[in-house]
Amino acid sequence: MTVEAKIKNYLQENGIKQNWISEKTGVPAGKISLTLNGHRRLTFAEYELICGALDIPVDTFLQPKRYEPQAV
């Protein structure tokens, strides 16, 4: 699941409206909507703002990725 999808699920589960996120972050509502619906990539700066607005740690929606060498 993408970070955007995780954020969208979190908002839905907690009854938080996208407009509220827009107001708290200064990110236009249209950008929030496009991003959370998978039509636009979330920037790290926007991600930080969203986590700040939700008062949650920035690693909440992230999972470490591991390097896996490709077989030659």
Protein backbone atom coordinates (compact mmCIF):
# COMPACT_ATOMS: atom_id res chain seq x y z
CA MET A 1 0.00 0.00 0.00
CA THR A 2 1.33 3.44 -0.90
CA VAL A 3 1.98 6.18 1.65
CA GLU A 4 -0.81 8.20 0.04
CA ALA A 5 -3.26 5.31 0.48
CA LYS A 6 -2.18 4.84 4.10
CA ILE A 7 -2.79 8.52 4.82
CA LYS A 8 -6.19 8.38 3.12
CA ASN A 9 -7.17 5.33 5.21
CA TYR A 10 -5.97 7.03 8.40
CA LEU A 11 -8.07 10.10 7.64
CA GLN A 12 -11.15 8.00 6.92
CA GLU A 13 -10.72 5.85 10.03
CA ASN A 14 -10.37 8.96 12.21
CA GLY A 15 -13.12 11.02 10.58
CA ILE A 16 -10.71 13.69 9.36
CA LYS A 17 -11.71 15.64 6.26
CA GLN A 18 -9.28 16.46 3.47
CA ASN A 19 -10.35 20.11 3.72
CA TRP A 20 -9.19 20.17 7.33
CA ILE A 21 -5.77 18.87 6.24
CA SER A 22 -5.67 21.53 3.55
CA GLU A 23 -6.43 24.28 6.08
CA LYS A 24 -3.85 23.03 8.58
CA THR A 25 -1.06 22.50 6.02
CA GLY A 26 -1.65 25.30 3.53
CA VAL A 27 -1.62 22.71 0.73
CA PRO A 28 -4.51 23.41 -1.67
CA ALA A 29 -7.46 21.04 -1.30
CA GLY A 30 -7.21 20.05 -4.97
CA LYS A 31 -3.63 18.89 -4.49
CA ILE A 32 -4.59 16.94 -1.37
CA SER A 33 -7.44 15.25 -3.23
CA LEU A 34 -5.34 14.38 -6.28
CA THR A 35 -2.58 13.03 -4.07
CA LEU A 36 -4.74 10.90 -1.78
CA ASN A 37 -6.62 9.48 -4.77
CA GLY A 38 -3.42 8.34 -6.45
CA HIS A 39 -3.29 10.90 -9.27
CA ARG A 40 -0.34 12.87 -7.95
CA ARG A 41 2.79 11.99 -5.98
CA LEU A 42 3.12 13.31 -2.45
CA THR A 43 6.21 15.44 -1.89
CA PHE A 44 8.22 14.91 1.26
CA ALA A 45 7.57 18.51 2.31
CA GLU A 46 3.81 17.92 2.02
CA TYR A 47 4.19 14.65 3.90
CA GLU A 48 5.95 16.46 6.75
CA LEU A 49 3.18 19.08 6.86
CA ILE A 50 0.46 16.42 6.96
CA CYS A 51 2.18 14.53 9.78
CA GLY A 52 2.62 17.82 11.64
CA ALA A 53 -1.06 18.69 11.22
CA LEU A 54 -2.05 15.23 12.48
CA ASP A 55 0.50 15.49 15.32
CA ILE A 56 1.99 12.10 14.49
CA PRO A 57 5.61 11.01 13.91
CA VAL A 58 6.83 11.20 10.32
CA ASP A 59 7.62 7.49 10.30
CA THR A 60 3.99 6.54 10.95
CA PHE A 61 3.20 5.69 7.31
CA LEU A 62 6.70 4.67 6.20
CA GLN A 63 8.27 1.23 5.99
CA PRO A 64 11.98 0.68 5.42
CA LYS A 65 12.97 -0.61 2.03
CA ARG A 66 15.80 -3.06 1.64
CA TYR A 67 18.23 -3.30 -1.21
CA GLU A 68 17.93 -6.59 -3.04
CA PRO A 69 20.63 -7.18 -5.62
CA GLN A 70 19.40 -8.44 -8.96
CA ALA A 71 20.67 -11.80 -10.17
CA VAL A 72 22.93 -11.52 -13.20
